Amino acid sequence: MKDPLKYGLSVTYFKKDEFKSGGKYITVRTHVKRIDETNRRIVLEDGTQINIDDLYALETE
């Protein structure tokens, strides 16, 4: 079975605005470094941490 963490993904997630209510959806092409099950986060190769509840879409490339 192929390891899904080794393949590129398009990740779309919601990023909350730090200063006001609301935020925006961001899509990045990246690799997942690891999945932090304890804190419910996905850690991307650049160190970005995304809360699993903020994920909108994951697409393989």
C-alpha atoms as a PDB file:
ATOM      1  CA  MET A   1       0.000   0.000   0.000  1.00  0.00           C
ATOM      2  CA  LYS A   2       1.274   3.476  -0.864  1.00  0.00           C
ATOM      3  CA  ASP A   3       2.086   5.894   1.946  1.00  0.00           C
ATOM      4  CA  PRO A   4      -0.239   8.906   1.422  1.00  0.00           C
ATOM      5  CA  LEU A   5       2.098  11.211   3.372  1.00  0.00           C
ATOM      6  CA  LYS A   6       4.756  10.892   0.637  1.00  0.00           C
ATOM      7  CA  TYR A   7       2.541  12.274  -2.135  1.00  0.00           C
ATOM      8  CA  GLY A   8       1.619  15.877  -2.845  1.00  0.00           C
ATOM      9  CA  LEU A   9      -1.741  17.241  -1.827  1.00  0.00           C
ATOM     10  CA  SER A  10      -3.826  20.300  -2.406  1.00  0.00           C
ATOM     11  CA  VAL A  11      -5.053  21.336   1.032  1.00  0.00           C
ATOM     12  CA  THR A  12      -7.878  23.857   1.409  1.00  0.00           C
ATOM     13  CA  TYR A  13      -8.534  25.152   4.897  1.00  0.00           C
ATOM     14  CA  PHE A  14     -10.165  28.053   6.709  1.00  0.00           C
ATOM     15  CA  LYS A  15      -7.839  30.543   8.371  1.00  0.00           C
ATOM     16  CA  LYS A  16      -9.492  32.713  11.001  1.00  0.00           C
ATOM     17  CA  ASP A  17      -8.770  36.445  10.935  1.00  0.00           C
ATOM     18  CA  GLU A  18      -6.715  37.416  13.982  1.00  0.00           C
ATOM     19  CA  PHE A  19      -8.284  40.871  14.328  1.00  0.00           C
ATOM     20  CA  LYS A  20     -11.944  40.556  13.368  1.00  0.00           C
ATOM     21  CA  SER A  21     -14.629  37.926  12.929  1.00  0.00           C
ATOM     22  CA  GLY A  22     -14.414  35.842   9.793  1.00  0.00           C
ATOM     23  CA  GLY A  23     -11.421  34.743   7.808  1.00  0.00           C
ATOM     24  CA  LYS A  24     -10.582  33.235   4.432  1.00  0.00           C
ATOM     25  CA  TYR A  25     -10.095  29.931   2.671  1.00  0.00           C
ATOM     26  CA  ILE A  26      -6.535  29.135   1.652  1.00  0.00           C
ATOM     27  CA  THR A  27      -5.417  26.441  -0.779  1.00  0.00           C
ATOM     28  CA  VAL A  28      -1.808  25.241  -0.821  1.00  0.00           C
ATOM     29  CA  ARG A  29       0.046  22.505  -2.682  1.00  0.00           C
ATOM     30  CA  THR A  30       2.203  20.709  -0.191  1.00  0.00           C
ATOM     31  CA  HIS A  31       3.254  17.480   1.474  1.00  0.00           C
ATOM     32  CA  VAL A  32       2.007  16.397   4.867  1.00  0.00           C
ATOM     33  CA  LYS A  33       4.874  16.027   7.317  1.00  0.00           C
ATOM     34  CA  ARG A  34       2.819  14.297   9.994  1.00  0.00           C
ATOM     35  CA  ILE A  35      -0.621  13.991  11.523  1.00  0.00           C
ATOM     36  CA  ASP A  36      -0.846  14.982  15.189  1.00  0.00           C
ATOM     37  CA  GLU A  37      -3.758  12.874  16.405  1.00  0.00           C
ATOM     38  CA  THR A  38      -3.474  14.087  20.002  1.00  0.00           C
ATOM     39  CA  ASN A  39      -3.948  17.764  19.098  1.00  0.00           C
ATOM     40  CA  ARG A  40      -6.078  17.044  15.979  1.00  0.00           C
ATOM     41  CA  ARG A  41      -3.735  18.866  13.599  1.00  0.00           C
ATOM     42  CA  ILE A  42      -2.065  18.224  10.282  1.00  0.00           C
ATOM     43  CA  VAL A  43       1.527  19.458  10.103  1.00  0.00           C
ATOM     44  CA  LEU A  44       2.678  20.470   6.623  1.00  0.00           C
ATOM     45  CA  GLU A  45       6.235  20.274   5.289  1.00  0.00           C
ATOM     46  CA  ASP A  46       6.795  24.010   5.948  1.00  0.00           C
ATOM     47  CA  GLY A  47       5.712  23.659   9.593  1.00  0.00           C
ATOM     48  CA  THR A  48       2.203  25.068   9.108  1.00  0.00           C
ATOM     49  CA  GLN A  49      -0.246  23.416  11.501  1.00  0.00           C
ATOM     50  CA  ILE A  50      -3.872  23.101  10.454  1.00  0.00           C
ATOM     51  CA  ASN A  51      -6.606  22.159  12.880  1.00  0.00           C
ATOM     52  CA  ILE A  52      -8.506  19.200  11.440  1.00  0.00           C
ATOM     53  CA  ASP A  53     -11.805  21.009  12.120  1.00  0.00           C
ATOM     54  CA  ASP A  54     -10.653  23.839   9.785  1.00  0.00           C
ATOM     55  CA  LEU A  55     -10.049  21.532   6.791  1.00  0.00           C
ATOM     56  CA  TYR A  56     -12.311  22.077   3.822  1.00  0.00           C
ATOM     57  CA  ALA A  57     -10.777  19.766   1.192  1.00  0.00           C
ATOM     58  CA  LEU A  58      -7.844  17.433   0.572  1.00  0.00           C
ATOM     59  CA  GLU A  59      -7.030  16.413  -3.003  1.00  0.00           C
ATOM     60  CA  THR A  60      -4.219  14.192  -4.219  1.00  0.00           C
ATOM     61  CA  GLU A  61      -2.040  15.349  -7.078  1.00  0.00           C
END
